[in-house]
Amino acid sequence: VPAYFNDSQRNATKDAGKIAGLEVLRIINEPTAASLAYGLDKKKDEKIAVYDLGGGTFDISVLEIGDGVFEVKATNGDTHLGGDDWDNILVDWIVNEFKKDSGIDLSKQPDAIQRIKEEAEKAKIALSSSQEYEINLPFITADATGPKHIQKKLTRSKLEQLTDALFQRTVPPVKACLSDAKLAEKDINELVLVGGMTRMPKVIETARTLIGKEPHKGVNPDEVVAIGAAIQGGVLKGDVKDVLLLDVTPLTLAIETAGGVATPMIPRNTTIPTRKSQI
């Protein structure tokens, strides 16, 4: 799961696993899983930052790894920031441009919006490897004068300009995570990118600027979490030896006390498992 998922989101993931017929042994945080896949064969001590931007969530975790021990120092994120937000901004832009050109508002036409959404995602993916993309949606709608088509050029720089605020939203969690881990950018040895969105050049540039390191090229951003989860499964079953994973709770855990007050018991970024009692 995304590292910044709360308790109800984690339980919903467990329930989904059960419904799918799986026995859920443990929930593992995505950046932690990625670090397992990255660091399994590393012998020297390293501090790594895992920058994970996927379809719907953003996570940043800082870990210390060495001699089979993977210790999460801090984690932060935004559970409502991901590739879908880039798609939605593009959809709005295409709809507004079409309205300017033709006077027709497509936002109330679900079929048209679905086609535009698919094309927006294609454009976003294409612009990660090329500078320009031709948006082409024939017969998107019709009026009294006949059928209407969308044909529009979109450049990478225009996409980056439209979505600049989304890139900026990754900045505060990264700074907070480094601060919680009591580390500066210069202390980080490796930057590991996870999630399909980290193929976008501007995302790579943003991560590089924030962490001050060139991203590690040896991991596949789409597969690395699944590989790490498989390693953790091996650890739980006893098939993988000499690996110790020390994760943290991403959010402060509190209980309701007299007068409806939420009393914090376990601060965020506490290594788990842990126990706390108070009278």
C-alpha atoms as a PDB file:
ATOM      1  CA  VAL A   1       0.000   0.000   0.000  1.00  0.00           C
ATOM      2  CA  PRO A   2       1.077   3.633  -0.280  1.00  0.00           C
ATOM      3  CA  ALA A   3       3.151   4.438   2.814  1.00  0.00           C
ATOM      4  CA  TYR A   4       0.854   7.298   3.807  1.00  0.00           C
ATOM      5  CA  PHE A   5      -2.340   5.183   3.828  1.00  0.00           C
ATOM      6  CA  ASN A   6      -4.304   5.473   7.073  1.00  0.00           C
ATOM      7  CA  ASP A   7      -5.712   2.562   9.088  1.00  0.00           C
ATOM      8  CA  SER A   8      -9.074   2.350   7.305  1.00  0.00           C
ATOM      9  CA  GLN A   9      -7.368   2.417   3.879  1.00  0.00           C
ATOM     10  CA  ARG A  10      -5.058  -0.418   4.984  1.00  0.00           C
ATOM     11  CA  ASN A  11      -7.980  -2.478   6.286  1.00  0.00           C
ATOM     12  CA  ALA A  12      -9.846  -1.916   3.007  1.00  0.00           C
ATOM     13  CA  THR A  13      -6.785  -3.287   1.153  1.00  0.00           C
ATOM     14  CA  LYS A  14      -6.755  -6.364   3.416  1.00  0.00           C
ATOM     15  CA  ASP A  15     -10.491  -6.885   2.794  1.00  0.00           C
ATOM     16  CA  ALA A  16      -9.935  -6.602  -0.977  1.00  0.00           C
ATOM     17  CA  GLY A  17      -7.266  -9.304  -0.722  1.00  0.00           C
ATOM     18  CA  LYS A  18      -9.624 -11.605   1.174  1.00  0.00           C
ATOM     19  CA  ILE A  19     -12.421 -11.012  -1.356  1.00  0.00           C
ATOM     20  CA  ALA A  20      -9.949 -11.956  -4.111  1.00  0.00           C
ATOM     21  CA  GLY A  21      -9.282 -15.228  -2.266  1.00  0.00           C
ATOM     22  CA  LEU A  22      -5.839 -14.322  -0.905  1.00  0.00           C
ATOM     23  CA  GLU A  23      -4.545 -14.933   2.597  1.00  0.00           C
ATOM     24  CA  VAL A  24      -3.164 -11.525   3.584  1.00  0.00           C
ATOM     25  CA  LEU A  25      -0.143 -12.195   5.806  1.00  0.00           C
ATOM     26  CA  ARG A  26       1.029  -8.607   6.041  1.00  0.00           C
ATOM     27  CA  ILE A  27       0.562  -5.164   4.529  1.00  0.00           C
ATOM     28  CA  ILE A  28       3.841  -3.681   3.281  1.00  0.00           C
ATOM     29  CA  ASN A  29       4.463  -0.045   2.368  1.00  0.00           C
ATOM     30  CA  GLU A  30       5.368   0.481  -1.288  1.00  0.00           C
ATOM     31  CA  PRO A  31       8.583   2.507  -0.754  1.00  0.00           C
ATOM     32  CA  THR A  32       9.753  -0.069   1.806  1.00  0.00           C
ATOM     33  CA  ALA A  33       9.088  -2.897  -0.661  1.00  0.00           C
ATOM     34  CA  ALA A  34      11.002  -0.960  -3.331  1.00  0.00           C
ATOM     35  CA  SER A  35      13.984  -0.578  -1.007  1.00  0.00           C
ATOM     36  CA  LEU A  36      13.986  -4.346  -0.368  1.00  0.00           C
ATOM     37  CA  ALA A  37      14.203  -5.021  -4.107  1.00  0.00           C
ATOM     38  CA  TYR A  38      16.891  -2.355  -4.537  1.00  0.00           C
ATOM     39  CA  GLY A  39      19.036  -3.207  -1.512  1.00  0.00           C
ATOM     40  CA  LEU A  40      18.914  -6.980  -1.106  1.00  0.00           C
ATOM     41  CA  ASP A  41      22.396  -7.463  -2.544  1.00  0.00           C
ATOM     42  CA  LYS A  42      23.934  -4.300  -1.052  1.00  0.00           C
ATOM     43  CA  LYS A  43      26.518  -4.912   1.652  1.00  0.00           C
ATOM     44  CA  LYS A  44      27.672  -1.405   2.504  1.00  0.00           C
ATOM     45  CA  ASP A  45      25.610   0.948   4.660  1.00  0.00           C
ATOM     46  CA  GLU A  46      23.546   3.421   2.643  1.00  0.00           C
ATOM     47  CA  LYS A  47      20.855   5.992   3.229  1.00  0.00           C
ATOM     48  CA  ILE A  48      18.340   5.936   0.395  1.00  0.00           C
ATOM     49  CA  ALA A  49      15.351   8.083  -0.541  1.00  0.00           C
ATOM     50  CA  VAL A  50      12.470   6.331  -2.304  1.00  0.00           C
ATOM     51  CA  TYR A  51      10.373   8.807  -4.335  1.00  0.00           C
ATOM     52  CA  ASP A  52       7.157   7.016  -5.296  1.00  0.00           C
ATOM     53  CA  LEU A  53       4.661   8.745  -7.602  1.00  0.00           C
ATOM     54  CA  GLY A  54       1.994   6.412  -8.965  1.00  0.00           C
ATOM     55  CA  GLY A  55      -1.463   6.689 -10.478  1.00  0.00           C
ATOM     56  CA  GLY A  56      -3.222   8.027  -7.397  1.00  0.00           C
ATOM     57  CA  THR A  57      -0.759   8.527  -4.537  1.00  0.00           C
ATOM     58  CA  PHE A  58       2.616  10.066  -3.718  1.00  0.00           C
ATOM     59  CA  ASP A  59       5.034   8.759  -1.073  1.00  0.00           C
ATOM     60  CA  ILE A  60       8.531   9.622   0.024  1.00  0.00           C
ATOM     61  CA  SER A  61      10.491   7.424   2.427  1.00  0.00           C
ATOM     62  CA  VAL A  62      14.038   7.658   3.740  1.00  0.00           C
ATOM     63  CA  LEU A  63      15.682   4.375   4.753  1.00  0.00           C
ATOM     64  CA  GLU A  64      18.986   3.212   6.135  1.00  0.00           C
ATOM     65  CA  ILE A  65      20.093  -0.120   4.699  1.00  0.00           C
ATOM     66  CA  GLY A  66      23.085  -2.369   5.246  1.00  0.00           C
ATOM     67  CA  ASP A  67      23.914  -5.993   6.101  1.00  0.00           C
ATOM     68  CA  GLY A  68      20.364  -7.168   5.479  1.00  0.00           C
ATOM     69  CA  VAL A  69      18.767  -4.584   7.804  1.00  0.00           C
ATOM     70  CA  PHE A  70      16.256  -2.174   6.221  1.00  0.00           C
ATOM     71  CA  GLU A  71      15.305   0.567   8.650  1.00  0.00           C
ATOM     72  CA  VAL A  72      12.772   3.222   7.663  1.00  0.00           C
ATOM     73  CA  LYS A  73      13.848   6.528   9.219  1.00  0.00           C
ATOM     74  CA  ALA A  74      10.835   8.600   8.114  1.00  0.00           C
ATOM     75  CA  THR A  75       7.980   8.615   5.640  1.00  0.00           C
ATOM     76  CA  ASN A  76       5.609  11.236   4.262  1.00  0.00           C
ATOM     77  CA  GLY A  77       3.302  11.725   1.305  1.00  0.00           C
ATOM     78  CA  ASP A  78       0.011  12.781  -0.247  1.00  0.00           C
ATOM     79  CA  THR A  79      -2.664  10.108  -0.748  1.00  0.00           C
ATOM     80  CA  HIS A  80      -4.494  12.334  -3.253  1.00  0.00           C
ATOM     81  CA  LEU A  81      -1.739  13.111  -5.739  1.00  0.00           C
ATOM     82  CA  GLY A  82      -0.900  10.914  -8.715  1.00  0.00           C
ATOM     83  CA  GLY A  83      -1.015  10.412 -12.473  1.00  0.00           C
ATOM     84  CA  ASP A  84      -4.814  10.711 -12.521  1.00  0.00           C
ATOM     85  CA  ASP A  85      -4.459  14.373 -11.509  1.00  0.00           C
ATOM     86  CA  TRP A  86      -2.255  15.056 -14.549  1.00  0.00           C
ATOM     87  CA  ASP A  87      -4.864  13.320 -16.743  1.00  0.00           C
ATOM     88  CA  ASN A  88      -7.708  15.377 -15.238  1.00  0.00           C
ATOM     89  CA  ILE A  89      -5.923  18.688 -15.870  1.00  0.00           C
ATOM     90  CA  LEU A  90      -5.345  17.645 -19.495  1.00  0.00           C
ATOM     91  CA  VAL A  91      -9.015  16.643 -19.868  1.00  0.00           C
ATOM     92  CA  ASP A  92     -10.116  20.080 -18.599  1.00  0.00           C
ATOM     93  CA  TRP A  93      -7.694  21.794 -20.989  1.00  0.00           C
ATOM     94  CA  ILE A  94      -8.930  19.801 -24.027  1.00  0.00           C
ATOM     95  CA  VAL A  95     -12.597  20.451 -23.101  1.00  0.00           C
ATOM     96  CA  ASN A  96     -11.951  24.196 -22.666  1.00  0.00           C
ATOM     97  CA  GLU A  97      -9.975  24.468 -25.921  1.00  0.00           C
ATOM     98  CA  PHE A  98     -12.759  22.674 -27.817  1.00  0.00           C
ATOM     99  CA  LYS A  99     -15.362  24.966 -26.244  1.00  0.00           C
ATOM    100  CA  LYS A 100     -13.357  28.015 -27.346  1.00  0.00           C
ATOM    101  CA  ASP A 101     -13.089  26.697 -30.906  1.00  0.00           C
ATOM    102  CA  SER A 102     -16.617  25.348 -31.397  1.00  0.00           C
ATOM    103  CA  GLY A 103     -18.791  26.807 -28.631  1.00  0.00           C
ATOM    104  CA  ILE A 104     -19.792  23.265 -27.569  1.00  0.00           C
ATOM    105  CA  ASP A 105     -19.351  22.184 -23.941  1.00  0.00           C
ATOM    106  CA  LEU A 106     -18.386  18.499 -23.811  1.00  0.00           C
ATOM    107  CA  SER A 107     -18.251  18.323 -20.003  1.00  0.00           C
ATOM    108  CA  LYS A 108     -21.877  17.106 -19.865  1.00  0.00           C
ATOM    109  CA  GLN A 109     -21.290  14.311 -22.410  1.00  0.00           C
ATOM    110  CA  PRO A 110     -19.938  11.223 -20.558  1.00  0.00           C
ATOM    111  CA  ASP A 111     -19.048   9.295 -23.737  1.00  0.00           C
ATOM    112  CA  ALA A 112     -16.984  12.194 -25.074  1.00  0.00           C
ATOM    113  CA  ILE A 113     -15.276  12.730 -21.696  1.00  0.00           C
ATOM    114  CA  GLN A 114     -14.313   9.047 -21.541  1.00  0.00           C
ATOM    115  CA  ARG A 115     -12.660   9.259 -24.976  1.00  0.00           C
ATOM    116  CA  ILE A 116     -10.905  12.497 -24.018  1.00  0.00           C
ATOM    117  CA  LYS A 117      -9.646  10.912 -20.774  1.00  0.00           C
ATOM    118  CA  GLU A 118      -8.129   7.973 -22.667  1.00  0.00           C
ATOM    119  CA  GLU A 119      -6.493  10.349 -25.160  1.00  0.00           C
ATOM    120  CA  ALA A 120      -5.191  12.587 -22.337  1.00  0.00           C
ATOM    121  CA  GLU A 121      -3.444   9.614 -20.726  1.00  0.00           C
ATOM    122  CA  LYS A 122      -1.947   8.608 -24.094  1.00  0.00           C
ATOM    123  CA  ALA A 123      -0.697  12.174 -24.606  1.00  0.00           C
ATOM    124  CA  LYS A 124       0.873  12.287 -21.134  1.00  0.00           C
ATOM    125  CA  ILE A 125       2.698   8.980 -21.713  1.00  0.00           C
ATOM    126  CA  ALA A 126       3.849   9.953 -25.228  1.00  0.00           C
ATOM    127  CA  LEU A 127       5.221  13.298 -24.020  1.00  0.00           C
ATOM    128  CA  SER A 128       7.583  11.500 -21.629  1.00  0.00           C
ATOM    129  CA  SER A 129       9.598  10.389 -24.656  1.00  0.00           C
ATOM    130  CA  SER A 130       8.727  13.007 -27.315  1.00  0.00           C
ATOM    131  CA  GLN A 131       8.397  16.800 -27.354  1.00  0.00           C
ATOM    132  CA  GLU A 132       5.050  17.007 -29.157  1.00  0.00           C
ATOM    133  CA  TYR A 133       1.839  14.983 -29.423  1.00  0.00           C
ATOM    134  CA  GLU A 134      -1.106  15.387 -31.782  1.00  0.00           C
ATOM    135  CA  ILE A 135      -4.423  14.954 -29.977  1.00  0.00           C
ATOM    136  CA  ASN A 136      -6.771  13.436 -32.531  1.00  0.00           C
ATOM    137  CA  LEU A 137     -10.391  12.589 -31.659  1.00  0.00           C
ATOM    138  CA  PRO A 138     -12.611  12.339 -34.761  1.00  0.00           C
ATOM    139  CA  PHE A 139     -16.407  12.500 -34.438  1.00  0.00           C
ATOM    140  CA  ILE A 140     -16.271  13.555 -30.782  1.00  0.00           C
ATOM    141  CA  THR A 141     -19.744  15.112 -31.056  1.00  0.00           C
ATOM    142  CA  ALA A 142     -22.118  16.684 -33.584  1.00  0.00           C
ATOM    143  CA  ASP A 143     -24.400  19.690 -33.902  1.00  0.00           C
ATOM    144  CA  ALA A 144     -26.731  21.055 -36.592  1.00  0.00           C
ATOM    145  CA  THR A 145     -23.765  21.781 -38.865  1.00  0.00           C
ATOM    146  CA  GLY A 146     -22.502  18.193 -38.743  1.00  0.00           C
ATOM    147  CA  PRO A 147     -19.900  16.096 -36.906  1.00  0.00           C
ATOM    148  CA  LYS A 148     -17.128  17.744 -34.889  1.00  0.00           C
ATOM    149  CA  HIS A 149     -13.544  16.572 -34.422  1.00  0.00           C
ATOM    150  CA  ILE A 150     -10.746  17.462 -32.000  1.00  0.00           C
ATOM    151  CA  GLN A 151      -7.325  18.005 -33.545  1.00  0.00           C
ATOM    152  CA  LYS A 152      -4.806  19.793 -31.391  1.00  0.00           C
ATOM    153  CA  LYS A 153      -1.051  19.842 -30.889  1.00  0.00           C
ATOM    154  CA  LEU A 154       0.221  19.551 -27.320  1.00  0.00           C
ATOM    155  CA  THR A 155       3.883  20.103 -26.429  1.00  0.00           C
ATOM    156  CA  ARG A 156       5.758  18.755 -23.443  1.00  0.00           C
ATOM    157  CA  SER A 157       6.446  22.296 -22.205  1.00  0.00           C
ATOM    158  CA  LYS A 158       2.714  23.130 -22.367  1.00  0.00           C
ATOM    159  CA  LEU A 159       1.886  19.994 -20.353  1.00  0.00           C
ATOM    160  CA  GLU A 160       4.517  20.923 -17.753  1.00  0.00           C
ATOM    161  CA  GLN A 161       3.168  24.477 -17.585  1.00  0.00           C
ATOM    162  CA  LEU A 162      -0.444  23.279 -17.131  1.00  0.00           C
ATOM    163  CA  THR A 163       0.501  20.846 -14.362  1.00  0.00           C
ATOM    164  CA  ASP A 164       3.214  22.850 -12.584  1.00  0.00           C
ATOM    165  CA  ALA A 165       1.186  23.065  -9.351  1.00  0.00           C
ATOM    166  CA  LEU A 166       1.106  19.248  -9.157  1.00  0.00           C
ATOM    167  CA  PHE A 167       4.910  19.006  -9.337  1.00  0.00           C
ATOM    168  CA  GLN A 168       5.130  21.606  -6.567  1.00  0.00           C
ATOM    169  CA  ARG A 169       2.841  19.514  -4.332  1.00  0.00           C
ATOM    170  CA  THR A 170       5.578  16.859  -4.031  1.00  0.00           C
ATOM    171  CA  VAL A 171       7.970  19.396  -2.472  1.00  0.00           C
ATOM    172  CA  PRO A 172       6.577  19.829   1.116  1.00  0.00           C
ATOM    173  CA  PRO A 173       6.322  16.050   1.847  1.00  0.00           C
ATOM    174  CA  VAL A 174       9.948  15.510   0.713  1.00  0.00           C
ATOM    175  CA  LYS A 175      11.230  18.368   2.884  1.00  0.00           C
ATOM    176  CA  ALA A 176       9.162  17.160   5.867  1.00  0.00           C
ATOM    177  CA  CYS A 177      10.449  13.595   5.421  1.00  0.00           C
ATOM    178  CA  LEU A 178      14.109  14.671   5.373  1.00  0.00           C
ATOM    179  CA  SER A 179      13.492  16.876   8.408  1.00  0.00           C
ATOM    180  CA  ASP A 180      11.806  14.012  10.336  1.00  0.00           C
ATOM    181  CA  ALA A 181      14.704  11.700   9.439  1.00  0.00           C
ATOM    182  CA  LYS A 182      17.092  14.433  10.684  1.00  0.00           C
ATOM    183  CA  LEU A 183      19.004  14.275   7.419  1.00  0.00           C
ATOM    184  CA  ALA A 184      20.066  16.783   4.758  1.00  0.00           C
ATOM    185  CA  GLU A 185      20.136  16.154   1.000  1.00  0.00           C
ATOM    186  CA  LYS A 186      23.910  15.583   1.150  1.00  0.00           C
ATOM    187  CA  ASP A 187      23.404  12.646   3.570  1.00  0.00           C
ATOM    188  CA  ILE A 188      21.381  10.654   0.998  1.00  0.00           C
ATOM    189  CA  ASN A 189      23.478   8.136  -0.984  1.00  0.00           C
ATOM    190  CA  GLU A 190      20.880   6.958  -3.508  1.00  0.00           C
ATOM    191  CA  LEU A 191      17.598   8.172  -4.983  1.00  0.00           C
ATOM    192  CA  VAL A 192      15.242   5.382  -6.096  1.00  0.00           C
ATOM    193  CA  LEU A 193      12.245   6.306  -8.286  1.00  0.00           C
ATOM    194  CA  VAL A 194       9.082   4.191  -8.115  1.00  0.00           C
ATOM    195  CA  GLY A 195       5.773   4.383  -9.999  1.00  0.00           C
ATOM    196  CA  GLY A 196       4.834   4.977 -13.630  1.00  0.00           C
ATOM    197  CA  MET A 197       4.738   8.769 -13.237  1.00  0.00           C
ATOM    198  CA  THR A 198       8.476   8.842 -12.499  1.00  0.00           C
ATOM    199  CA  ARG A 199       9.060   8.208 -16.222  1.00  0.00           C
ATOM    200  CA  MET A 200       8.041  11.839 -16.827  1.00  0.00           C
ATOM    201  CA  PRO A 201      11.153  14.013 -17.340  1.00  0.00           C
ATOM    202  CA  LYS A 202       9.838  16.869 -15.175  1.00  0.00           C
ATOM    203  CA  VAL A 203       9.126  14.452 -12.286  1.00  0.00           C
ATOM    204  CA  ILE A 204      12.692  13.107 -12.561  1.00  0.00           C
ATOM    205  CA  GLU A 205      14.012  16.692 -12.584  1.00  0.00           C
ATOM    206  CA  THR A 206      11.870  17.622  -9.534  1.00  0.00           C
ATOM    207  CA  ALA A 207      13.087  14.586  -7.558  1.00  0.00           C
ATOM    208  CA  ARG A 208      16.698  15.237  -8.589  1.00  0.00           C
ATOM    209  CA  THR A 209      16.479  18.875  -7.459  1.00  0.00           C
ATOM    210  CA  LEU A 210      14.861  17.983  -4.116  1.00  0.00           C
ATOM    211  CA  ILE A 211      17.227  15.143  -3.185  1.00  0.00           C
ATOM    212  CA  GLY A 212      20.313  16.433  -4.977  1.00  0.00           C
ATOM    213  CA  LYS A 213      21.142  13.042  -6.506  1.00  0.00           C
ATOM    214  CA  GLU A 214      20.876  11.406  -9.926  1.00  0.00           C
ATOM    215  CA  PRO A 215      18.124   8.737  -9.794  1.00  0.00           C
ATOM    216  CA  HIS A 216      19.297   5.121  -9.578  1.00  0.00           C
ATOM    217  CA  LYS A 217      18.765   3.503 -12.986  1.00  0.00           C
ATOM    218  CA  GLY A 218      18.917  -0.176 -12.014  1.00  0.00           C
ATOM    219  CA  VAL A 219      15.288  -0.720 -10.971  1.00  0.00           C
ATOM    220  CA  ASN A 220      12.089  -0.912 -13.026  1.00  0.00           C
ATOM    221  CA  PRO A 221       9.677   1.639 -11.482  1.00  0.00           C
ATOM    222  CA  ASP A 222       6.636  -0.510 -12.343  1.00  0.00           C
ATOM    223  CA  GLU A 223       7.954  -3.849 -11.052  1.00  0.00           C
ATOM    224  CA  VAL A 224      10.161  -2.947  -8.105  1.00  0.00           C
ATOM    225  CA  VAL A 225       7.340  -2.855  -5.506  1.00  0.00           C
ATOM    226  CA  ALA A 226       6.030  -6.284  -6.532  1.00  0.00           C
ATOM    227  CA  ILE A 227       9.564  -7.728  -6.359  1.00  0.00           C
ATOM    228  CA  GLY A 228      10.026  -6.255  -2.867  1.00  0.00           C
ATOM    229  CA  ALA A 229       6.664  -7.628  -1.718  1.00  0.00           C
ATOM    230  CA  ALA A 230       7.708 -11.069  -3.018  1.00  0.00           C
ATOM    231  CA  ILE A 231      10.949 -10.828  -0.995  1.00  0.00           C
ATOM    232  CA  GLN A 232       8.946  -9.910   2.130  1.00  0.00           C
ATOM    233  CA  GLY A 233       6.670 -12.889   1.451  1.00  0.00           C
ATOM    234  CA  GLY A 234       9.791 -15.057   1.318  1.00  0.00           C
ATOM    235  CA  VAL A 235      10.965 -13.627   4.646  1.00  0.00           C
ATOM    236  CA  LEU A 236       7.592 -14.382   6.288  1.00  0.00           C
ATOM    237  CA  LYS A 237       7.617 -17.965   4.984  1.00  0.00           C
ATOM    238  CA  GLY A 238      11.236 -18.502   6.058  1.00  0.00           C
ATOM    239  CA  ASP A 239      12.547 -18.924   2.498  1.00  0.00           C
ATOM    240  CA  VAL A 240      14.606 -15.702   2.579  1.00  0.00           C
ATOM    241  CA  LYS A 241      17.119 -15.449   5.425  1.00  0.00           C
ATOM    242  CA  ASP A 242      19.209 -12.616   6.872  1.00  0.00           C
ATOM    243  CA  VAL A 243      16.743  -9.831   6.058  1.00  0.00           C
ATOM    244  CA  LEU A 244      15.312  -7.643   8.825  1.00  0.00           C
ATOM    245  CA  LEU A 245      12.725  -5.016   7.939  1.00  0.00           C
ATOM    246  CA  LEU A 246      12.063  -2.196  10.428  1.00  0.00           C
ATOM    247  CA  ASP A 247       9.137  -0.102   9.197  1.00  0.00           C
ATOM    248  CA  VAL A 248       7.404   2.876  10.818  1.00  0.00           C
ATOM    249  CA  THR A 249       3.851   4.066  11.405  1.00  0.00           C
ATOM    250  CA  PRO A 250       3.334   7.001   8.998  1.00  0.00           C
ATOM    251  CA  LEU A 251       0.694   8.794  11.084  1.00  0.00           C
ATOM    252  CA  THR A 252       0.430   9.562  14.801  1.00  0.00           C
ATOM    253  CA  LEU A 253      -1.879   7.077  16.544  1.00  0.00           C
ATOM    254  CA  ALA A 254      -4.222   8.586  19.133  1.00  0.00           C
ATOM    255  CA  ILE A 255      -7.092   7.314  21.281  1.00  0.00           C
ATOM    256  CA  GLU A 256     -10.207   9.124  22.414  1.00  0.00           C
ATOM    257  CA  THR A 257     -10.077  10.057  26.102  1.00  0.00           C
ATOM    258  CA  ALA A 258     -12.461  11.821  28.502  1.00  0.00           C
ATOM    259  CA  GLY A 259     -14.253  14.773  26.959  1.00  0.00           C
ATOM    260  CA  GLY A 260     -13.798  13.501  23.405  1.00  0.00           C
ATOM    261  CA  VAL A 261     -10.141  14.539  23.280  1.00  0.00           C
ATOM    262  CA  ALA A 262      -7.763  12.711  20.925  1.00  0.00           C
ATOM    263  CA  THR A 263      -4.724  11.845  23.044  1.00  0.00           C
ATOM    264  CA  PRO A 264      -1.630  10.990  20.953  1.00  0.00           C
ATOM    265  CA  MET A 265      -0.084   7.686  22.048  1.00  0.00           C
ATOM    266  CA  ILE A 266       2.389   6.683  19.338  1.00  0.00           C
ATOM    267  CA  PRO A 267       4.052   9.517  17.373  1.00  0.00           C
ATOM    268  CA  ARG A 268       4.438   9.227  13.592  1.00  0.00           C
ATOM    269  CA  ASN A 269       7.633   7.625  12.298  1.00  0.00           C
ATOM    270  CA  THR A 270       7.833   5.305  15.342  1.00  0.00           C
ATOM    271  CA  THR A 271       9.445   1.964  14.442  1.00  0.00           C
ATOM    272  CA  ILE A 272       6.897  -0.876  14.522  1.00  0.00           C
ATOM    273  CA  PRO A 273       5.911  -3.214  16.079  1.00  0.00           C
ATOM    274  CA  THR A 274       5.640  -1.106  19.244  1.00  0.00           C
ATOM    275  CA  ARG A 275       3.554  -0.937  22.405  1.00  0.00           C
ATOM    276  CA  LYS A 276       2.528   1.991  24.611  1.00  0.00           C
ATOM    277  CA  SER A 277       0.435   2.110  27.773  1.00  0.00           C
ATOM    278  CA  GLN A 278      -0.642   5.136  29.743  1.00  0.00           C
ATOM    279  CA  ILE A 279      -2.858   5.686  32.793  1.00  0.00           C
END
